[in-house]
């Protein structure tokens, strides 16, 4: 299973996807008001718990964020968070989390 996110200043979308031959298959999505949370970890935990998914079921995670990203660390434009992909992955018990700029994510 894959975990993806679009992290914006107003809302954050989280999605679970299954592996498929051509492209990942959407399983479930959730929408969160970004600033209702102190960071991404509580949001990830809430989403996975609501969907009944254990973090160990996630094979990979990739988050597009509204802000500059350097060395897997994002400083969001309109959110007072510093999102370090490695620290979030460890705190949320994910195997790996790749953070990229949202425009770059759209290009992929």
N, C-alpha and C. Protein backbone atom coordinates (compact mmCIF):
# COMPACT_ATOMS: atom_id res chain seq x y z
N UNK A 1 0.84 -1.16 0.00
CA UNK A 1 0.00 0.00 0.00
C UNK A 1 0.89 1.24 0.00
N UNK A 2 0.41 2.29 -0.66
CA UNK A 2 1.14 3.55 -0.74
C UNK A 2 0.36 4.64 -0.01
N UNK A 3 1.06 5.59 0.57
CA UNK A 3 0.45 6.75 1.21
C UNK A 3 0.95 7.99 0.49
N UNK A 4 0.00 8.83 0.06
CA UNK A 4 0.37 10.06 -0.64
C UNK A 4 -0.36 11.23 0.01
N UNK A 5 0.23 12.41 -0.13
CA UNK A 5 -0.40 13.60 0.42
C UNK A 5 -0.14 14.81 -0.45
N UNK A 6 -1.10 15.71 -0.43
CA UNK A 6 -0.98 17.04 -1.01
C UNK A 6 -1.15 17.98 0.17
N UNK A 7 -0.04 18.56 0.64
CA UNK A 7 -0.05 19.38 1.85
C UNK A 7 -0.06 20.85 1.46
N UNK A 8 -1.16 21.52 1.77
CA UNK A 8 -1.29 22.93 1.43
C UNK A 8 -1.50 23.78 2.67
N UNK A 9 -1.51 25.07 2.47
CA UNK A 9 -1.69 26.00 3.58
C UNK A 9 -3.08 25.98 4.16
N UNK A 10 -4.08 25.61 3.36
CA UNK A 10 -5.46 25.58 3.81
C UNK A 10 -5.92 24.17 4.14
N UNK A 11 -5.67 23.24 3.21
CA UNK A 11 -6.09 21.86 3.45
C UNK A 11 -5.00 20.88 3.02
N UNK A 12 -5.11 19.71 3.59
CA UNK A 12 -4.20 18.62 3.26
C UNK A 12 -5.04 17.42 2.86
N UNK A 13 -4.69 16.82 1.75
CA UNK A 13 -5.35 15.60 1.29
C UNK A 13 -4.40 14.44 1.51
N UNK A 14 -4.89 13.38 2.14
CA UNK A 14 -4.12 12.16 2.32
C UNK A 14 -4.83 11.05 1.55
N UNK A 15 -4.06 10.18 0.94
CA UNK A 15 -4.66 9.10 0.18
C UNK A 15 -3.90 7.80 0.33
N UNK A 16 -4.65 6.71 0.36
CA UNK A 16 -4.09 5.37 0.35
C UNK A 16 -4.29 4.79 -1.04
N UNK A 17 -3.25 4.15 -1.56
CA UNK A 17 -3.29 3.61 -2.91
C UNK A 17 -2.74 2.19 -2.91
N UNK A 18 -3.33 1.36 -3.74
CA UNK A 18 -2.84 0.01 -3.91
C UNK A 18 -1.98 -0.08 -5.16
N UNK A 19 -1.06 -1.00 -5.16
CA UNK A 19 -0.20 -1.22 -6.32
C UNK A 19 -1.05 -1.78 -7.46
N UNK A 20 -0.77 -1.32 -8.67
CA UNK A 20 -1.47 -1.79 -9.87
C UNK A 20 -0.49 -1.71 -11.04
N UNK A 21 -0.74 -2.46 -12.12
CA UNK A 21 0.22 -2.51 -13.23
C UNK A 21 0.53 -1.15 -13.87
N UNK A 22 -0.48 -0.36 -14.18
CA UNK A 22 -0.25 0.90 -14.89
C UNK A 22 -0.03 2.10 -13.98
N UNK A 23 -0.82 2.19 -12.95
CA UNK A 23 -0.71 3.29 -11.99
C UNK A 23 -1.38 2.87 -10.70
N UNK A 24 -0.99 3.47 -9.59
CA UNK A 24 -1.60 3.09 -8.31
C UNK A 24 -3.13 3.25 -8.35
N UNK A 25 -3.81 2.37 -7.63
CA UNK A 25 -5.27 2.36 -7.57
C UNK A 25 -5.70 3.01 -6.26
N UNK A 26 -6.55 4.04 -6.35
CA UNK A 26 -7.03 4.73 -5.15
C UNK A 26 -7.87 3.80 -4.29
N UNK A 27 -7.57 3.79 -3.00
CA UNK A 27 -8.34 2.99 -2.04
C UNK A 27 -9.22 3.90 -1.21
N UNK A 28 -8.61 4.94 -0.63
CA UNK A 28 -9.36 5.87 0.22
C UNK A 28 -8.61 7.19 0.31
N UNK A 29 -9.37 8.28 0.45
CA UNK A 29 -8.76 9.60 0.63
C UNK A 29 -9.41 10.30 1.82
N UNK A 30 -8.69 11.24 2.36
CA UNK A 30 -9.21 12.04 3.47
C UNK A 30 -8.75 13.48 3.33
N UNK A 31 -9.59 14.40 3.76
CA UNK A 31 -9.28 15.83 3.69
C UNK A 31 -9.22 16.40 5.09
N UNK A 32 -8.17 17.17 5.36
CA UNK A 32 -7.93 17.73 6.68
C UNK A 32 -7.66 19.23 6.57
N UNK A 33 -8.10 19.99 7.56
CA UNK A 33 -7.75 21.41 7.62
C UNK A 33 -6.35 21.46 8.22
N UNK A 34 -5.41 21.93 7.44
CA UNK A 34 -3.99 21.84 7.79
C UNK A 34 -3.68 22.41 9.16
N UNK A 35 -4.12 23.62 9.44
CA UNK A 35 -3.74 24.28 10.69
C UNK A 35 -4.52 23.80 11.90
N UNK A 36 -5.41 22.82 11.73
CA UNK A 36 -6.06 22.18 12.87
C UNK A 36 -5.10 21.21 13.57
N UNK A 37 -3.93 20.99 12.97
CA UNK A 37 -2.95 20.03 13.48
C UNK A 37 -1.62 20.73 13.75
N UNK A 38 -0.87 20.16 14.69
CA UNK A 38 0.45 20.70 15.02
C UNK A 38 1.53 20.27 14.04
N UNK A 39 1.19 19.34 13.16
CA UNK A 39 2.14 18.82 12.18
C UNK A 39 1.50 17.67 11.44
N UNK A 40 2.27 17.06 10.58
CA UNK A 40 1.74 15.97 9.76
C UNK A 40 1.57 14.65 10.51
N UNK A 41 2.39 14.39 11.50
CA UNK A 41 2.33 13.10 12.20
C UNK A 41 0.95 12.85 12.82
N UNK A 42 0.38 13.80 13.59
CA UNK A 42 -0.95 13.54 14.15
C UNK A 42 -2.01 13.31 13.06
N UNK A 43 -1.87 14.03 11.96
CA UNK A 43 -2.81 13.89 10.85
C UNK A 43 -2.69 12.50 10.21
N UNK A 44 -1.46 12.05 9.99
CA UNK A 44 -1.23 10.72 9.41
C UNK A 44 -1.79 9.65 10.34
N UNK A 45 -1.50 9.76 11.62
CA UNK A 45 -1.99 8.77 12.59
C UNK A 45 -3.52 8.71 12.59
N UNK A 46 -4.16 9.87 12.60
CA UNK A 46 -5.63 9.92 12.61
C UNK A 46 -6.20 9.28 11.34
N UNK A 47 -5.62 9.60 10.21
CA UNK A 47 -6.10 9.06 8.93
C UNK A 47 -5.95 7.54 8.89
N UNK A 48 -4.78 7.05 9.23
CA UNK A 48 -4.56 5.60 9.19
C UNK A 48 -5.45 4.86 10.19
N UNK A 49 -5.63 5.44 11.36
CA UNK A 49 -6.50 4.81 12.36
C UNK A 49 -7.94 4.76 11.85
N UNK A 50 -8.42 5.86 11.28
CA UNK A 50 -9.79 5.91 10.76
C UNK A 50 -10.01 4.88 9.65
N UNK A 51 -8.96 4.60 8.90
CA UNK A 51 -9.07 3.64 7.80
C UNK A 51 -8.72 2.22 8.23
N UNK A 52 -8.32 2.06 9.49
CA UNK A 52 -7.97 0.73 10.00
C UNK A 52 -6.71 0.17 9.38
N UNK A 53 -5.76 1.05 9.09
CA UNK A 53 -4.51 0.64 8.44
C UNK A 53 -3.35 0.82 9.42
N UNK A 54 -2.57 -0.23 9.57
CA UNK A 54 -1.36 -0.16 10.39
C UNK A 54 -0.25 0.47 9.55
N UNK A 55 0.58 1.31 10.16
CA UNK A 55 1.69 1.92 9.41
C UNK A 55 2.58 0.90 8.71
N UNK A 56 2.75 -0.29 9.29
CA UNK A 56 3.61 -1.30 8.68
C UNK A 56 3.05 -1.81 7.34
N UNK A 57 1.77 -1.53 7.07
CA UNK A 57 1.17 -1.91 5.78
C UNK A 57 1.56 -0.96 4.65
N UNK A 58 2.13 0.19 5.00
CA UNK A 58 2.54 1.18 4.01
C UNK A 58 3.93 0.83 3.49
N UNK A 59 4.05 0.64 2.19
CA UNK A 59 5.35 0.30 1.60
C UNK A 59 6.17 1.54 1.26
N UNK A 60 5.48 2.63 0.92
CA UNK A 60 6.16 3.87 0.56
C UNK A 60 5.20 5.03 0.75
N UNK A 61 5.77 6.22 0.99
CA UNK A 61 4.97 7.43 1.15
C UNK A 61 5.64 8.58 0.41
N UNK A 62 4.82 9.42 -0.22
CA UNK A 62 5.34 10.57 -0.93
C UNK A 62 4.37 11.73 -0.72
N UNK A 63 4.91 12.88 -0.29
CA UNK A 63 4.09 14.04 0.00
C UNK A 63 4.53 15.23 -0.83
N UNK A 64 3.60 15.83 -1.55
CA UNK A 64 3.82 17.09 -2.25
C UNK A 64 3.41 18.21 -1.30
N UNK A 65 4.27 19.18 -1.11
CA UNK A 65 4.01 20.25 -0.15
C UNK A 65 4.12 21.63 -0.81
N UNK A 66 3.34 22.56 -0.29
CA UNK A 66 3.35 23.93 -0.79
C UNK A 66 4.50 24.68 -0.12
N UNK A 67 5.68 24.53 -0.69
CA UNK A 67 6.84 25.21 -0.14
C UNK A 67 8.13 24.64 -0.69
N UNK A 68 9.21 25.27 -0.30
CA UNK A 68 10.54 24.86 -0.77
C UNK A 68 10.98 23.58 -0.06
N UNK A 69 11.62 22.69 -0.82
CA UNK A 69 12.11 21.42 -0.27
C UNK A 69 13.59 21.28 -0.58
N UNK A 70 14.36 20.99 0.45
CA UNK A 70 15.79 20.74 0.30
C UNK A 70 16.15 19.52 1.15
N UNK A 71 16.77 18.53 0.54
CA UNK A 71 17.22 17.33 1.25
C UNK A 71 16.09 16.67 2.05
N UNK A 72 14.91 16.55 1.42
CA UNK A 72 13.75 15.88 2.01
C UNK A 72 13.17 16.63 3.21
N UNK A 73 13.47 17.93 3.31
CA UNK A 73 12.93 18.78 4.36
C UNK A 73 12.22 19.96 3.70
N UNK A 74 10.97 20.19 4.13
CA UNK A 74 10.17 21.26 3.53
C UNK A 74 9.88 22.36 4.53
N UNK A 75 9.97 23.57 4.05
CA UNK A 75 9.51 24.73 4.81
C UNK A 75 8.30 25.25 4.06
N UNK A 76 7.11 25.01 4.64
CA UNK A 76 5.88 25.37 3.96
C UNK A 76 5.71 26.88 3.89
N UNK A 77 5.09 27.34 2.81
CA UNK A 77 4.94 28.76 2.56
C UNK A 77 4.01 29.43 3.57
N UNK A 78 2.84 28.85 3.83
CA UNK A 78 1.84 29.49 4.69
C UNK A 78 1.51 28.69 5.94
N UNK A 79 2.40 27.80 6.34
CA UNK A 79 2.19 26.97 7.52
C UNK A 79 3.48 27.00 8.34
N UNK A 80 3.36 27.20 9.65
CA UNK A 80 4.57 27.33 10.47
C UNK A 80 5.21 25.98 10.85
N UNK A 81 5.31 25.08 9.89
CA UNK A 81 5.90 23.76 10.13
C UNK A 81 7.18 23.63 9.33
N UNK A 82 8.07 22.85 9.87
CA UNK A 82 9.24 22.39 9.13
C UNK A 82 9.03 20.89 9.00
N UNK A 83 8.80 20.41 7.78
CA UNK A 83 8.48 19.00 7.55
C UNK A 83 9.71 18.24 7.08
N UNK A 84 10.31 17.50 7.99
CA UNK A 84 11.46 16.66 7.68
C UNK A 84 10.94 15.26 7.39
N UNK A 85 11.04 14.82 6.14
CA UNK A 85 10.51 13.53 5.73
C UNK A 85 11.03 12.37 6.54
N UNK A 86 12.31 12.38 6.87
CA UNK A 86 12.89 11.29 7.66
C UNK A 86 12.34 11.26 9.08
N UNK A 87 12.20 12.43 9.69
CA UNK A 87 11.68 12.50 11.06
C UNK A 87 10.20 12.12 11.10
N UNK A 88 9.44 12.56 10.10
CA UNK A 88 8.01 12.21 10.05
C UNK A 88 7.86 10.71 9.85
N UNK A 89 8.65 10.14 8.95
CA UNK A 89 8.59 8.69 8.70
C UNK A 89 8.86 7.92 9.99
N UNK A 90 9.87 8.32 10.73
CA UNK A 90 10.20 7.63 11.98
C UNK A 90 9.08 7.79 13.00
N UNK A 91 8.59 9.01 13.18
CA UNK A 91 7.56 9.26 14.19
C UNK A 91 6.23 8.58 13.85
N UNK A 92 5.93 8.45 12.56
CA UNK A 92 4.66 7.84 12.13
C UNK A 92 4.83 6.36 11.82
N UNK A 93 6.02 5.82 12.06
CA UNK A 93 6.33 4.39 11.82
C UNK A 93 6.16 3.99 10.35
N UNK A 94 6.57 4.88 9.46
CA UNK A 94 6.54 4.59 8.03
C UNK A 94 7.94 4.19 7.58
N UNK A 95 8.05 3.30 6.58
CA UNK A 95 9.38 2.86 6.16
C UNK A 95 10.21 3.98 5.53
N UNK A 96 9.57 4.87 4.81
CA UNK A 96 10.28 5.98 4.14
C UNK A 96 9.24 6.99 3.70
N UNK A 97 9.60 8.25 3.75
CA UNK A 97 8.71 9.32 3.29
C UNK A 97 9.51 10.27 2.43
N UNK A 98 9.10 10.42 1.19
CA UNK A 98 9.76 11.34 0.26
C UNK A 98 8.93 12.62 0.20
N UNK A 99 9.57 13.75 0.44
CA UNK A 99 8.90 15.05 0.40
C UNK A 99 9.37 15.80 -0.84
N UNK A 100 8.42 16.34 -1.60
CA UNK A 100 8.78 17.14 -2.76
C UNK A 100 7.83 18.32 -2.88
N UNK A 101 8.24 19.32 -3.59
CA UNK A 101 7.42 20.50 -3.82
C UNK A 101 6.17 20.09 -4.57
N UNK A 102 5.04 20.75 -4.28
CA UNK A 102 3.77 20.37 -4.90
C UNK A 102 3.77 20.56 -6.42
N UNK A 103 4.44 21.56 -6.93
CA UNK A 103 4.53 21.74 -8.38
C UNK A 103 5.33 20.62 -9.01
N UNK A 104 6.40 20.24 -8.36
CA UNK A 104 7.20 19.10 -8.83
C UNK A 104 6.37 17.82 -8.80
N UNK A 105 5.57 17.64 -7.75
CA UNK A 105 4.71 16.46 -7.65
C UNK A 105 3.71 16.43 -8.80
N UNK A 106 3.14 17.58 -9.14
CA UNK A 106 2.20 17.63 -10.26
C UNK A 106 2.88 17.27 -11.58
N UNK A 107 4.12 17.67 -11.72
CA UNK A 107 4.86 17.36 -12.96
C UNK A 107 5.06 15.85 -13.12
N UNK A 108 5.26 15.15 -11.99
CA UNK A 108 5.41 13.70 -12.06
C UNK A 108 4.08 13.07 -12.41
